[in-house]
Amino acid sequence: MPTGGRATFERLVEEFLSGYFAFNPTHATALGLHEYDDRLEDRSAEAIAAEIRRLEVFRERLDREVAPEALPREARLDLAILRSEIEAQLLHLREIRWWARDPSYFSDLASWSVYSLLVRPTAPLPKRLDAIERRLRAVPRLLAQAREHLARTVEESRETPSLGLPKIFVQIAQHEFEGAREFFATAVPSALAGLADPERARSLEEAQADALHACADMCRFLAEELLERASGEFALGAETFARLLAAEEQVTTPLEQILERGWRELRATQHHMREIAHRIAPTRSLPDLLHDLSEEHPTAEDLIPSYRRRCEEVRRFVLERDLVTLPEGDWLEVTETPPFSRSLIFAALDPPGPFESQAQPTFFYVTPVDPAQPAEHQNAYLRAHNAYAQIATIIHEAYPGHHVQSLHLKRCPSIVRRVFAAGTFVEGWAHYCEQMVLDEGFGGEDAKLRLFQLYEALWRIGRLIVATRMHLGELSLSEAIDFLVRECYQEPENARREVWRYTRDPLVLVYSWGKWQIQALREEYRRARGDAFSLKDFHDRVLGQGEPPVSALRSIILDSV
């Protein structure tokens, strides 16, 4: 029988995280733990096998050494999260095997490992340049490991095609590696412009050239050796999908029930949208009205500046209505999405890590218009950034969504919940805010704003249905795109971008599911508090717990009443 209490558990957490950061140094840098800045991931077969063994050992040690009943309530929550995280990591490494099936897994590591050190002044420039050089010099090794794994997967898939390399993954990776090549060719030299030491500059230029050459080799490898040979399936299958959902989000609701809820919400949201559309323009169909209103969008040149202007408008409302505490460190910069992430990202937030010791900016990324795209694709993309949808995006990404969420995370006392984040909480909170802010009066009774808030909710519900059915093998890519166009009124090009994302981001149901969980938790808390209920109090309590699965959060929030 295990007897270890809090001290035993804290020692195991420290030991586990030390190994985790050694295997995932790019994540450590993102979290603000800079002792790992000069390392790049090792994804050799030997390193992966060693990490699997380490995870298995820690899983057994937690069971053998820690007595849950000897832990205080919040430590029991951390124990449950750590156990789930170990199961999720084992599932990714042993069974889903992104490292053997998805080339973009490696472009993400190579690009973000250097980008995060370039853009954040976390240390004096000379020290950061030392770390950047070490990572740049390791990029060829990492991409050589990628080619070895991917080539082996293609060969082995002759006998088991379902476990092979999906062609869509190669197509996505071609865009991502072209972006990585552009990044290494431009961003790194610009950082060296002011470097006074010529020897130092020459050494960094050599490292940058090696990384650039490795990316070019990878682009050729994808086009010449993988694209026509890739024939695997991206779908996880029902069993793996359900296990991943349980491990990452502690959601054990049967998939059939999740889909049933999705269909009910889809039809109810469509009905609500049609009612509002009829009030705005009685003679227009809903799709036509959405298209017409979407023409109220910024120009390509004004896209980023327009987001900067409107961010302040939303921020002011959140503060005036006192919806949530805005902690210190509110430093937000709206900027372009890095080139290596533009193929799938529409808008996103990149906050400084919760362990950063100095003030750092949060980057609110907006992907600019791609001038290489046909004019109609460019116009369709700008329509998605229309004046009404922009508000929902700003609420989601900035105030009081992800940006405010990240400021609260720094104050969470739990190390486990500062390191590991659940999508139902992270994305559920931001999506919840889109409706909540309008419910609290933003925009007055502007029916157009409400229509587009519902539109944003509609295609998140579409995500839940489409991505789940895709990974159950029930929808092809073309069928999924048709669904989003038909049921969620998406532009075809934007729907294509969405569906490509779902192939390698299977649990996008977390947006809607997490929102519904938070709404249900709020109503339970309201009933428990009665007349003493305060919306700001609820929000602060929820955000003060880190980023755990919402289902795991429930007992702590309600037990605190």
Protein backbone atom coordinates (compact mmCIF):
# COMPACT_ATOMS: atom_id res chain seq x y z
CA MET A 1 0.00 0.00 0.00
CA PRO A 2 1.37 3.45 -0.87
CA THR A 3 1.90 5.74 2.10
CA GLY A 4 3.55 8.81 0.60
CA GLY A 5 1.90 12.16 1.16
CA ARG A 6 2.50 15.69 -0.04
CA ALA A 7 6.29 15.70 0.33
CA THR A 8 6.62 12.45 -1.61
CA PHE A 9 4.34 13.72 -4.35
CA GLU A 10 6.14 17.05 -4.68
CA ARG A 11 9.48 15.24 -4.98
CA LEU A 12 8.08 13.01 -7.73
CA VAL A 13 6.63 16.00 -9.57
CA GLU A 14 9.99 17.76 -9.53
CA GLU A 15 11.75 14.63 -10.78
CA PHE A 16 9.14 13.99 -13.47
CA LEU A 17 9.25 17.55 -14.80
CA SER A 18 13.04 17.52 -14.95
CA GLY A 19 12.86 14.57 -17.35
CA TYR A 20 9.93 16.06 -19.24
CA PHE A 21 11.77 19.33 -19.92
CA ALA A 22 14.92 17.48 -20.98
CA PHE A 23 12.84 15.65 -23.61
CA ASN A 24 10.85 18.79 -24.53
CA PRO A 25 13.25 21.77 -24.24
CA THR A 26 11.24 23.93 -26.67
CA HIS A 27 8.23 23.68 -24.37
CA ALA A 28 10.45 24.51 -21.42
CA THR A 29 11.59 27.69 -23.17
CA ALA A 30 7.99 28.62 -23.95
CA LEU A 31 7.11 28.19 -20.27
CA GLY A 32 9.93 30.54 -19.25
CA LEU A 33 12.41 27.93 -17.99
CA HIS A 34 15.54 29.09 -19.74
CA GLU A 35 18.09 26.59 -18.50
CA TYR A 36 16.99 24.48 -21.49
CA ASP A 37 17.37 27.24 -24.11
CA ASP A 38 20.50 25.83 -25.74
CA ARG A 39 18.96 22.40 -26.42
CA LEU A 40 16.85 21.14 -29.29
CA GLU A 41 14.68 18.05 -29.12
CA ASP A 42 16.26 14.65 -29.73
CA ARG A 43 13.75 12.51 -31.60
CA SER A 44 15.96 9.56 -32.43
CA ALA A 45 14.38 6.14 -32.06
CA GLU A 46 16.56 5.60 -28.99
CA ALA A 47 15.46 8.86 -27.33
CA ILE A 48 11.79 8.10 -27.96
CA ALA A 49 12.13 4.59 -26.56
CA ALA A 50 13.89 5.96 -23.48
CA GLU A 51 11.13 8.53 -22.91
CA ILE A 52 8.45 5.84 -23.20
CA ARG A 53 10.28 3.78 -20.56
CA ARG A 54 10.60 6.84 -18.33
CA LEU A 55 6.86 7.54 -18.56
CA GLU A 56 5.99 3.94 -17.79
CA VAL A 57 8.27 3.97 -14.75
CA PHE A 58 6.75 7.18 -13.41
CA ARG A 59 3.24 5.89 -13.91
CA GLU A 60 4.11 2.87 -11.81
CA ARG A 61 5.91 4.98 -9.19
CA LEU A 62 2.93 7.29 -8.71
CA ASP A 63 0.73 4.26 -8.04
CA ARG A 64 3.30 2.63 -5.74
CA GLU A 65 4.56 5.62 -3.75
CA VAL A 66 1.70 8.14 -3.44
CA ALA A 67 -1.42 7.63 -1.31
CA PRO A 68 -4.12 9.94 -2.73
CA GLU A 69 -5.98 10.02 0.58
CA ALA A 70 -2.84 11.47 2.24
CA LEU A 71 -2.85 14.49 -0.09
CA PRO A 72 -4.69 17.78 0.34
CA ARG A 73 -7.51 18.40 -2.13
CA GLU A 74 -5.57 20.47 -4.67
CA ALA A 75 -2.65 18.05 -4.68
CA ARG A 76 -5.11 15.23 -5.41
CA LEU A 77 -6.22 17.24 -8.43
CA ASP A 78 -2.59 17.59 -9.53
CA LEU A 79 -2.03 13.86 -9.08
CA ALA A 80 -5.02 13.07 -11.31
CA ILE A 81 -3.80 15.56 -13.93
CA LEU A 82 -0.27 14.14 -13.88
CA ARG A 83 -1.54 10.59 -14.28
CA SER A 84 -3.71 11.65 -17.21
CA GLU A 85 -0.84 13.57 -18.77
CA ILE A 86 1.40 10.52 -18.62
CA GLU A 87 -1.30 8.44 -20.34
CA ALA A 88 -1.69 11.11 -23.02
CA GLN A 89 2.06 11.30 -23.66
CA LEU A 90 2.33 7.52 -23.92
CA LEU A 91 -0.58 7.48 -26.34
CA HIS A 92 1.09 10.12 -28.52
CA LEU A 93 4.50 8.42 -28.51
CA ARG A 94 3.54 4.75 -28.73
CA GLU A 95 0.32 4.61 -30.72
CA ILE A 96 -0.55 7.83 -32.55
CA ARG A 97 3.14 8.42 -33.30
CA TRP A 98 3.03 11.92 -34.74
CA TRP A 99 6.83 11.79 -34.85
CA ALA A 100 6.63 8.96 -37.41
CA ARG A 101 3.61 10.16 -39.40
CA ASP A 102 3.49 13.96 -39.44
CA PRO A 103 6.35 15.96 -40.97
CA SER A 104 4.97 19.20 -39.51
CA TYR A 105 5.73 17.82 -36.05
CA PHE A 106 9.37 18.57 -36.88
CA SER A 107 8.85 21.93 -38.59
CA ASP A 108 7.02 23.10 -35.47
CA LEU A 109 9.94 22.12 -33.23
CA ALA A 110 12.66 23.55 -35.47
CA SER A 111 10.93 26.87 -36.08
CA TRP A 112 9.42 27.62 -32.66
CA SER A 113 12.63 26.66 -30.84
CA VAL A 114 14.46 29.54 -32.52
CA TYR A 115 11.56 31.98 -32.93
CA SER A 116 10.76 32.13 -29.23
CA LEU A 117 14.35 33.08 -28.41
CA LEU A 118 14.48 35.73 -31.13
CA VAL A 119 11.30 37.62 -30.29
CA ARG A 120 11.36 37.67 -26.50
CA PRO A 121 14.13 39.59 -24.67
CA THR A 122 14.32 36.99 -21.91
CA ALA A 123 18.07 37.47 -21.56
CA PRO A 124 20.74 39.81 -22.97
CA LEU A 125 21.08 39.37 -26.73
CA PRO A 126 24.57 37.76 -26.63
CA LYS A 127 23.32 35.03 -24.31
CA ARG A 128 20.23 34.42 -26.44
CA LEU A 129 22.35 34.31 -29.59
CA ASP A 130 24.50 31.60 -28.00
CA ALA A 131 21.38 29.51 -27.41
CA ILE A 132 20.01 30.29 -30.88
CA GLU A 133 23.25 29.16 -32.50
CA ARG A 134 23.21 25.87 -30.61
CA ARG A 135 19.63 25.23 -31.68
CA LEU A 136 20.32 26.21 -35.27
CA ARG A 137 23.26 23.82 -35.41
CA ALA A 138 20.98 21.03 -34.14
CA VAL A 139 18.27 21.60 -36.78
CA PRO A 140 20.01 19.39 -39.43
CA ARG A 141 20.22 16.56 -36.91
CA LEU A 142 16.54 16.89 -35.98
CA LEU A 143 15.41 16.93 -39.61
CA ALA A 144 17.62 13.96 -40.43
CA GLN A 145 15.77 12.08 -37.68
CA ALA A 146 12.51 13.22 -39.27
CA ARG A 147 13.47 11.85 -42.69
CA GLU A 148 14.55 8.55 -41.15
CA HIS A 149 11.25 8.06 -39.30
CA LEU A 150 9.06 9.18 -42.19
CA ALA A 151 10.87 7.04 -44.77
CA ARG A 152 10.55 4.01 -42.50
CA THR A 153 6.83 4.67 -42.03
CA VAL A 154 6.30 4.76 -45.80
CA GLU A 155 8.15 1.46 -46.22
CA GLU A 156 6.32 -0.27 -43.38
CA SER A 157 2.94 0.96 -44.58
CA ARG A 158 3.08 -1.39 -47.53
CA GLU A 159 1.88 -4.09 -45.15
CA THR A 160 -0.33 -1.91 -42.91
CA PRO A 161 -1.61 1.03 -45.00
CA SER A 162 -3.78 2.40 -42.17
CA LEU A 163 -0.63 3.13 -40.14
CA GLY A 164 1.12 4.88 -42.99
CA LEU A 165 1.86 8.49 -43.79
CA PRO A 166 -1.27 10.48 -44.71
CA LYS A 167 -0.86 12.47 -47.91
CA ILE A 168 -2.63 15.43 -46.34
CA PHE A 169 0.11 15.58 -43.70
CA VAL A 170 2.73 15.88 -46.45
CA GLN A 171 0.73 18.62 -48.18
CA ILE A 172 0.41 20.61 -44.96
CA ALA A 173 4.10 20.12 -44.20
CA GLN A 174 5.09 21.47 -47.60
CA HIS A 175 3.49 24.79 -46.65
CA GLU A 176 4.96 24.70 -43.14
CA PHE A 177 8.52 23.95 -44.27
CA GLU A 178 8.37 26.63 -46.95
CA GLY A 179 7.40 29.00 -44.13
CA ALA A 180 10.25 27.68 -42.01
CA ARG A 181 12.68 28.24 -44.84
CA GLU A 182 11.46 31.81 -45.24
CA PHE A 183 11.79 32.34 -41.48
CA PHE A 184 15.36 31.06 -41.29
CA ALA A 185 16.31 33.05 -44.41
CA THR A 186 14.99 36.40 -43.14
CA ALA A 187 14.35 36.56 -39.40
CA VAL A 188 17.70 35.20 -38.24
CA PRO A 189 19.84 37.55 -40.39
CA SER A 190 17.79 40.53 -39.24
CA ALA A 191 18.64 39.67 -35.63
CA LEU A 192 22.34 39.74 -36.50
CA ALA A 193 22.23 43.17 -38.14
CA GLY A 194 23.43 45.00 -35.06
CA LEU A 195 26.02 42.44 -33.95
CA ALA A 196 29.40 44.17 -33.59
CA ASP A 197 31.63 41.08 -33.34
CA PRO A 198 32.35 39.85 -36.91
CA GLU A 199 33.57 36.45 -35.76
CA ARG A 200 30.40 35.95 -33.74
CA ALA A 201 28.26 37.03 -36.67
CA ARG A 202 30.09 34.69 -39.05
CA SER A 203 29.58 31.72 -36.73
CA LEU A 204 25.86 32.44 -36.45
CA GLU A 205 25.56 32.89 -40.21
CA GLU A 206 27.11 29.47 -40.71
CA ALA A 207 24.62 27.92 -38.26
CA GLN A 208 21.76 29.72 -39.98
CA ALA A 209 22.94 28.49 -43.40
CA ASP A 210 23.05 24.90 -42.11
CA ALA A 211 19.49 25.16 -40.79
CA LEU A 212 18.31 26.78 -44.02
CA HIS A 213 19.95 24.03 -46.08
CA ALA A 214 18.32 21.37 -43.90
CA CYS A 215 14.90 22.94 -44.48
CA ALA A 216 15.52 23.03 -48.23
CA ASP A 217 16.50 19.35 -48.12
CA MET A 218 13.30 18.61 -46.22
CA CYS A 219 11.21 20.44 -48.82
CA ARG A 220 12.80 18.32 -51.58
CA PHE A 221 12.29 15.15 -49.54
CA LEU A 222 8.60 15.92 -49.09
CA ALA A 223 8.05 16.68 -52.77
CA GLU A 224 10.22 14.00 -54.33
CA GLU A 225 10.11 11.06 -51.93
CA LEU A 226 6.98 11.32 -49.80
CA LEU A 227 4.15 13.08 -51.62
CA GLU A 228 3.34 10.38 -54.16
CA ARG A 229 4.10 7.50 -51.77
CA ALA A 230 2.03 8.74 -48.85
CA SER A 231 -1.20 6.74 -48.62
CA GLY A 232 -1.94 6.39 -44.90
CA GLU A 233 -5.09 7.40 -43.06
CA PHE A 234 -5.22 10.40 -40.76
CA ALA A 235 -8.26 9.15 -38.80
CA LEU A 236 -7.45 8.00 -35.27
CA GLY A 237 -10.40 5.61 -35.02
CA ALA A 238 -13.05 5.51 -32.30
CA GLU A 239 -11.02 3.71 -29.63
CA THR A 240 -7.89 5.86 -29.88
CA PHE A 241 -9.95 9.06 -30.17
CA ALA A 242 -11.92 8.22 -27.02
CA ARG A 243 -8.77 7.30 -25.10
CA LEU A 244 -7.06 10.54 -26.14
CA LEU A 245 -10.10 12.58 -25.10
CA ALA A 246 -10.16 10.86 -21.70
CA ALA A 247 -6.40 11.27 -21.16
CA GLU A 248 -6.05 14.90 -22.25
CA GLU A 249 -9.41 16.29 -21.12
CA GLN A 250 -10.78 13.78 -18.59
CA VAL A 251 -13.91 13.63 -20.75
CA THR A 252 -15.42 10.14 -20.75
CA THR A 253 -18.81 10.96 -22.26
CA PRO A 254 -19.53 8.43 -25.04
CA LEU A 255 -18.76 9.86 -28.46
CA GLU A 256 -22.32 9.17 -29.60
CA GLN A 257 -23.63 11.45 -26.85
CA ILE A 258 -21.10 14.16 -27.71
CA LEU A 259 -22.24 14.08 -31.34
CA GLU A 260 -25.91 14.08 -30.32
CA ARG A 261 -25.32 17.22 -28.23
CA GLY A 262 -23.46 18.75 -31.14
CA TRP A 263 -26.34 18.17 -33.55
CA ARG A 264 -28.88 19.63 -31.08
CA GLU A 265 -26.77 22.73 -30.54
CA LEU A 266 -26.13 23.09 -34.26
CA ARG A 267 -29.84 23.13 -35.12
CA ALA A 268 -30.71 25.43 -32.20
CA THR A 269 -27.97 27.89 -33.17
CA GLN A 270 -29.02 27.89 -36.82
CA HIS A 271 -32.61 28.60 -35.72
CA HIS A 272 -31.53 31.47 -33.49
CA MET A 273 -29.44 32.94 -36.31
CA ARG A 274 -32.34 32.78 -38.74
CA GLU A 275 -34.56 34.64 -36.27
CA ILE A 276 -32.01 37.44 -35.89
CA ALA A 277 -31.34 37.57 -39.63
CA HIS A 278 -35.05 38.00 -40.28
CA ARG A 279 -35.10 41.03 -37.97
CA ILE A 280 -32.11 42.57 -39.74
CA ALA A 281 -33.16 41.87 -43.35
CA PRO A 282 -36.50 40.07 -43.73
CA THR A 283 -36.05 39.44 -47.45
CA ARG A 284 -32.50 38.04 -47.33
CA SER A 285 -31.50 34.45 -46.75
CA LEU A 286 -29.16 33.82 -43.82
CA PRO A 287 -26.15 32.82 -45.99
CA ASP A 288 -26.64 35.84 -48.23
CA LEU A 289 -26.93 38.19 -45.26
CA LEU A 290 -23.77 36.78 -43.67
CA HIS A 291 -21.95 37.26 -46.96
CA ASP A 292 -23.20 40.83 -47.34
CA LEU A 293 -22.24 41.80 -43.79
CA SER A 294 -18.85 40.15 -44.23
CA GLU A 295 -18.05 42.67 -46.94
CA GLU A 296 -17.57 45.17 -44.09
CA HIS A 297 -13.96 44.17 -43.60
CA PRO A 298 -10.59 45.92 -43.43
CA THR A 299 -8.28 46.11 -46.40
CA ALA A 300 -5.29 43.80 -46.51
CA GLU A 301 -3.06 46.72 -45.49
CA ASP A 302 -5.29 47.70 -42.57
CA LEU A 303 -5.90 44.16 -41.26
CA ILE A 304 -3.37 44.23 -38.41
CA PRO A 305 -3.92 47.93 -37.49
CA SER A 306 -7.68 47.39 -37.34
CA TYR A 307 -7.22 44.67 -34.73
CA ARG A 308 -4.99 46.98 -32.68
CA ARG A 309 -7.64 49.70 -32.65
CA ARG A 310 -10.52 47.44 -31.70
CA CYS A 311 -8.61 45.61 -28.95
CA GLU A 312 -8.65 48.76 -26.84
CA GLU A 313 -12.42 49.12 -27.30
CA VAL A 314 -13.07 45.62 -25.93
CA ARG A 315 -10.51 46.00 -23.13
CA ARG A 316 -12.16 49.19 -21.94
CA PHE A 317 -15.57 47.49 -21.74
CA VAL A 318 -14.22 44.53 -19.76
CA LEU A 319 -12.67 46.89 -17.22
CA GLU A 320 -15.70 49.19 -16.99
CA ARG A 321 -18.05 46.28 -16.39
CA ASP A 322 -15.60 44.67 -13.93
CA LEU A 323 -16.08 41.24 -15.52
CA VAL A 324 -12.78 39.80 -14.29
CA THR A 325 -9.63 40.92 -12.52
CA LEU A 326 -6.97 42.09 -14.97
CA PRO A 327 -3.67 41.19 -13.28
CA GLU A 328 -0.48 43.19 -13.72
CA GLY A 329 1.60 42.48 -16.82
CA ASP A 330 -1.03 43.51 -19.38
CA TRP A 331 1.33 43.94 -22.35
CA LEU A 332 -0.30 42.90 -25.64
CA GLU A 333 1.20 43.29 -29.11
CA VAL A 334 -0.89 42.58 -32.21
CA THR A 335 1.41 41.32 -34.94
CA GLU A 336 1.64 39.02 -37.95
CA THR A 337 1.61 35.25 -37.52
CA PRO A 338 5.12 33.81 -38.07
CA PRO A 339 5.52 32.55 -41.66
CA PHE A 340 6.02 28.93 -40.61
CA SER A 341 2.57 28.76 -38.95
CA ARG A 342 0.39 30.60 -41.46
CA SER A 343 -0.98 27.63 -43.38
CA LEU A 344 -3.40 26.65 -40.59
CA ILE A 345 -3.60 29.64 -38.23
CA PHE A 346 -6.21 32.39 -38.67
CA ALA A 347 -5.52 34.19 -35.39
CA ALA A 348 -3.79 32.97 -32.23
CA LEU A 349 -2.22 34.07 -28.97
CA ASP A 350 1.38 33.47 -27.91
CA PRO A 351 1.78 34.53 -24.26
CA PRO A 352 5.01 34.55 -22.28
CA GLY A 353 5.46 31.50 -20.10
CA PRO A 354 4.10 31.44 -16.56
CA PHE A 355 7.62 30.99 -15.16
CA GLU A 356 9.09 34.12 -16.78
CA SER A 357 10.75 36.28 -14.14
CA GLN A 358 10.66 39.51 -16.18
CA ALA A 359 7.80 41.29 -17.95
CA GLN A 360 7.38 40.05 -21.51
CA PRO A 361 4.87 40.88 -24.26
CA THR A 362 2.00 38.64 -25.28
CA PHE A 363 1.77 38.30 -29.06
CA PHE A 364 -1.67 38.35 -30.62
CA TYR A 365 -1.06 36.83 -34.04
CA VAL A 366 -3.22 37.62 -37.04
CA THR A 367 -2.32 35.89 -40.29
CA PRO A 368 -1.94 38.43 -43.10
CA VAL A 369 -3.43 38.01 -46.55
CA ASP A 370 -1.32 35.77 -48.76
CA PRO A 371 -0.60 37.81 -51.91
CA ALA A 372 0.24 34.62 -53.80
CA GLN A 373 -3.36 33.41 -53.48
CA PRO A 374 -5.97 34.11 -56.18
CA ALA A 375 -7.90 37.34 -55.64
CA GLU A 376 -11.11 35.52 -54.70
CA HIS A 377 -9.30 33.52 -52.00
CA GLN A 378 -7.82 36.75 -50.64
CA ASN A 379 -11.24 38.39 -50.54
CA ALA A 380 -12.81 35.34 -48.88
CA TYR A 381 -10.10 35.43 -46.23
CA LEU A 382 -10.67 39.12 -45.52
CA ARG A 383 -14.41 38.53 -45.21
CA ALA A 384 -13.63 36.16 -42.35
CA HIS A 385 -12.00 39.17 -40.61
CA ASN A 386 -15.10 41.33 -41.00
CA ALA A 387 -15.95 44.05 -38.48
CA TYR A 388 -18.33 41.84 -36.49
CA ALA A 389 -16.24 38.67 -36.43
CA GLN A 390 -13.22 40.73 -35.36
CA ILE A 391 -14.92 41.49 -32.05
CA ALA A 392 -15.45 37.81 -31.32
CA THR A 393 -11.82 37.08 -32.22
CA ILE A 394 -10.54 39.85 -29.94
CA ILE A 395 -12.71 38.68 -27.06
CA HIS A 396 -11.48 35.12 -27.61
CA GLU A 397 -7.78 35.83 -28.01
CA ALA A 398 -7.31 38.91 -25.81
CA TYR A 399 -9.92 40.41 -23.47
CA PRO A 400 -11.05 38.58 -21.41
CA GLY A 401 -9.99 35.42 -23.28
CA HIS A 402 -6.57 33.85 -23.65
CA HIS A 403 -4.51 36.94 -22.78
CA VAL A 404 -6.27 37.52 -19.46
CA GLN A 405 -6.23 33.78 -18.86
CA SER A 406 -2.44 33.71 -19.27
CA LEU A 407 -2.00 36.60 -16.80
CA HIS A 408 -3.95 34.68 -14.15
CA LEU A 409 -1.96 31.50 -14.87
CA LYS A 410 1.20 33.11 -13.52
CA ARG A 411 -0.47 33.38 -10.11
CA CYS A 412 -1.52 29.73 -9.91
CA PRO A 413 0.33 28.00 -7.04
CA SER A 414 0.29 24.59 -8.76
CA ILE A 415 3.37 23.80 -10.84
CA VAL A 416 1.54 20.92 -12.54
CA ARG A 417 -1.30 23.19 -13.66
CA ARG A 418 1.10 25.84 -14.91
CA VAL A 419 2.93 23.31 -17.09
CA PHE A 420 0.09 21.19 -18.47
CA ALA A 421 -2.98 22.78 -20.04
CA ALA A 422 -6.30 21.19 -20.99
CA GLY A 423 -8.08 22.36 -24.13
CA THR A 424 -11.51 22.23 -22.53
CA PHE A 425 -10.33 24.91 -20.12
CA VAL A 426 -8.04 26.97 -22.37
CA GLU A 427 -10.23 27.05 -25.46
CA GLY A 428 -13.47 26.52 -23.56
CA TRP A 429 -12.83 29.69 -21.53
CA ALA A 430 -12.00 31.82 -24.55
CA HIS A 431 -15.04 30.59 -26.48
CA TYR A 432 -17.25 31.04 -23.41
CA CYS A 433 -16.12 34.66 -23.23
CA GLU A 434 -17.35 35.42 -26.77
CA GLN A 435 -20.96 34.96 -25.65
CA MET A 436 -20.54 36.16 -22.07
CA VAL A 437 -19.18 39.59 -23.04
CA LEU A 438 -22.13 40.25 -25.35
CA ASP A 439 -24.55 38.93 -22.74
CA GLU A 440 -23.09 41.51 -20.35
CA GLY A 441 -23.90 44.33 -22.73
CA PHE A 442 -21.04 44.87 -25.18
CA GLY A 443 -22.43 46.45 -28.33
CA GLY A 444 -25.78 47.17 -26.74
CA GLU A 445 -28.49 45.41 -28.70
CA ASP A 446 -26.52 45.28 -31.96
CA ALA A 447 -28.18 42.40 -33.79
CA LYS A 448 -25.30 42.13 -36.26
CA LEU A 449 -22.77 41.58 -33.48
CA ARG A 450 -25.01 38.90 -31.94
CA LEU A 451 -25.48 37.26 -35.32
CA PHE A 452 -21.75 36.90 -35.77
CA GLN A 453 -21.22 35.76 -32.20
CA LEU A 454 -23.66 32.95 -32.99
CA TYR A 455 -21.89 32.36 -36.29
CA GLU A 456 -18.60 31.88 -34.42
CA ALA A 457 -20.37 29.45 -32.09
CA LEU A 458 -21.93 27.64 -35.04
CA TRP A 459 -18.71 26.75 -36.76
CA ARG A 460 -17.14 25.70 -33.44
CA ILE A 461 -20.07 23.28 -33.10
CA GLY A 462 -19.37 22.30 -36.70
CA ARG A 463 -15.79 21.59 -35.61
CA LEU A 464 -17.05 19.26 -32.92
CA ILE A 465 -19.17 17.28 -35.36
CA VAL A 466 -16.85 17.34 -38.35
CA ALA A 467 -13.52 16.63 -36.64
CA THR A 468 -14.98 13.85 -34.52
CA ARG A 469 -16.63 12.20 -37.53
CA MET A 470 -13.44 12.63 -39.59
CA HIS A 471 -11.43 10.76 -36.97
CA LEU A 472 -14.11 8.08 -36.69
CA GLY A 473 -13.66 7.51 -40.42
CA GLU A 474 -17.13 8.79 -41.27
CA LEU A 475 -16.21 11.89 -43.32
CA SER A 476 -13.65 12.40 -46.07
CA LEU A 477 -11.87 15.73 -46.44
CA SER A 478 -14.20 16.85 -49.22
CA GLU A 479 -17.28 15.79 -47.27
CA ALA A 480 -16.03 17.68 -44.22
CA ILE A 481 -15.46 20.84 -46.27
CA ASP A 482 -18.94 20.51 -47.80
CA PHE A 483 -20.43 20.17 -44.30
CA LEU A 484 -18.83 23.39 -43.06
CA VAL A 485 -19.93 25.27 -46.16
CA ARG A 486 -23.49 23.90 -46.08
CA GLU A 487 -24.24 23.75 -42.34
CA CYS A 488 -21.95 26.45 -40.95
CA TYR A 489 -21.99 28.92 -43.86
CA GLN A 490 -18.21 28.91 -44.21
CA GLU A 491 -16.43 30.24 -47.28
CA PRO A 492 -15.04 27.22 -49.20
CA GLU A 493 -11.40 28.31 -48.84
CA ASN A 494 -11.76 28.99 -45.12
CA ALA A 495 -13.52 25.63 -44.70
CA ARG A 496 -10.62 23.93 -46.47
CA ARG A 497 -8.17 25.59 -44.10
CA GLU A 498 -10.23 24.42 -41.13
CA VAL A 499 -10.53 20.83 -42.29
CA TRP A 500 -6.81 20.56 -42.98
CA ARG A 501 -6.23 21.61 -39.38
CA TYR A 502 -8.56 18.93 -37.99
CA THR A 503 -6.51 16.13 -39.55
CA ARG A 504 -3.68 16.82 -37.10
CA ASP A 505 -5.67 18.51 -34.32
CA PRO A 506 -8.33 15.89 -33.59
CA LEU A 507 -9.74 17.24 -30.30
CA VAL A 508 -11.05 20.58 -31.57
CA LEU A 509 -14.35 19.64 -29.93
CA VAL A 510 -12.82 21.20 -26.80
CA TYR A 511 -13.97 24.68 -27.85
CA SER A 512 -17.69 23.93 -27.67
CA TRP A 513 -17.53 21.18 -25.07
CA GLY A 514 -15.39 23.26 -22.74
CA LYS A 515 -17.67 26.28 -23.18
CA TRP A 516 -20.72 24.20 -22.30
CA GLN A 517 -18.92 22.76 -19.27
CA ILE A 518 -17.99 26.25 -18.00
CA GLN A 519 -21.53 27.53 -18.53
CA ALA A 520 -22.92 24.57 -16.58
CA LEU A 521 -20.37 25.08 -13.79
CA ARG A 522 -21.28 28.77 -13.58
CA GLU A 523 -24.95 27.96 -13.12
CA GLU A 524 -24.16 25.39 -10.41
CA TYR A 525 -22.00 27.97 -8.66
CA ARG A 526 -24.74 30.61 -9.03
CA ARG A 527 -27.28 28.31 -7.37
CA ALA A 528 -24.86 27.46 -4.57
CA ARG A 529 -24.01 31.12 -3.88
CA GLY A 530 -27.53 32.47 -4.21
CA ASP A 531 -27.72 36.23 -3.69
CA ALA A 532 -23.99 36.34 -2.98
CA PHE A 533 -23.14 35.24 -6.55
CA SER A 534 -20.79 37.54 -8.44
CA LEU A 535 -19.79 36.93 -12.04
CA LYS A 536 -16.36 38.45 -11.45
CA ASP A 537 -15.87 36.25 -8.39
CA PHE A 538 -16.73 33.14 -10.44
CA HIS A 539 -14.35 34.14 -13.23
CA ASP A 540 -11.49 34.90 -10.85
CA ARG A 541 -11.97 31.62 -9.00
CA VAL A 542 -11.97 29.62 -12.22
CA LEU A 543 -8.93 31.40 -13.68
CA GLY A 544 -7.04 31.09 -10.40
CA GLN A 545 -6.87 27.30 -10.72
CA GLY A 546 -4.46 27.13 -13.65
CA GLU A 547 -5.59 25.33 -16.80
CA PRO A 548 -6.94 21.92 -15.70
CA PRO A 549 -9.68 19.96 -17.45
CA VAL A 550 -13.00 21.64 -16.64
CA SER A 551 -14.42 18.36 -15.35
CA ALA A 552 -11.57 18.17 -12.81
CA LEU A 553 -12.12 21.79 -11.79
CA ARG A 554 -15.74 21.33 -10.76
CA SER A 555 -15.21 19.86 -7.30
CA ILE A 556 -12.72 22.55 -6.24
CA ILE A 557 -14.95 25.43 -7.34
CA LEU A 558 -18.11 24.03 -5.76
CA ASP A 559 -16.41 22.80 -2.59
CA SER A 560 -15.16 26.35 -2.00
CA VAL A 561 -18.73 27.66 -1.51
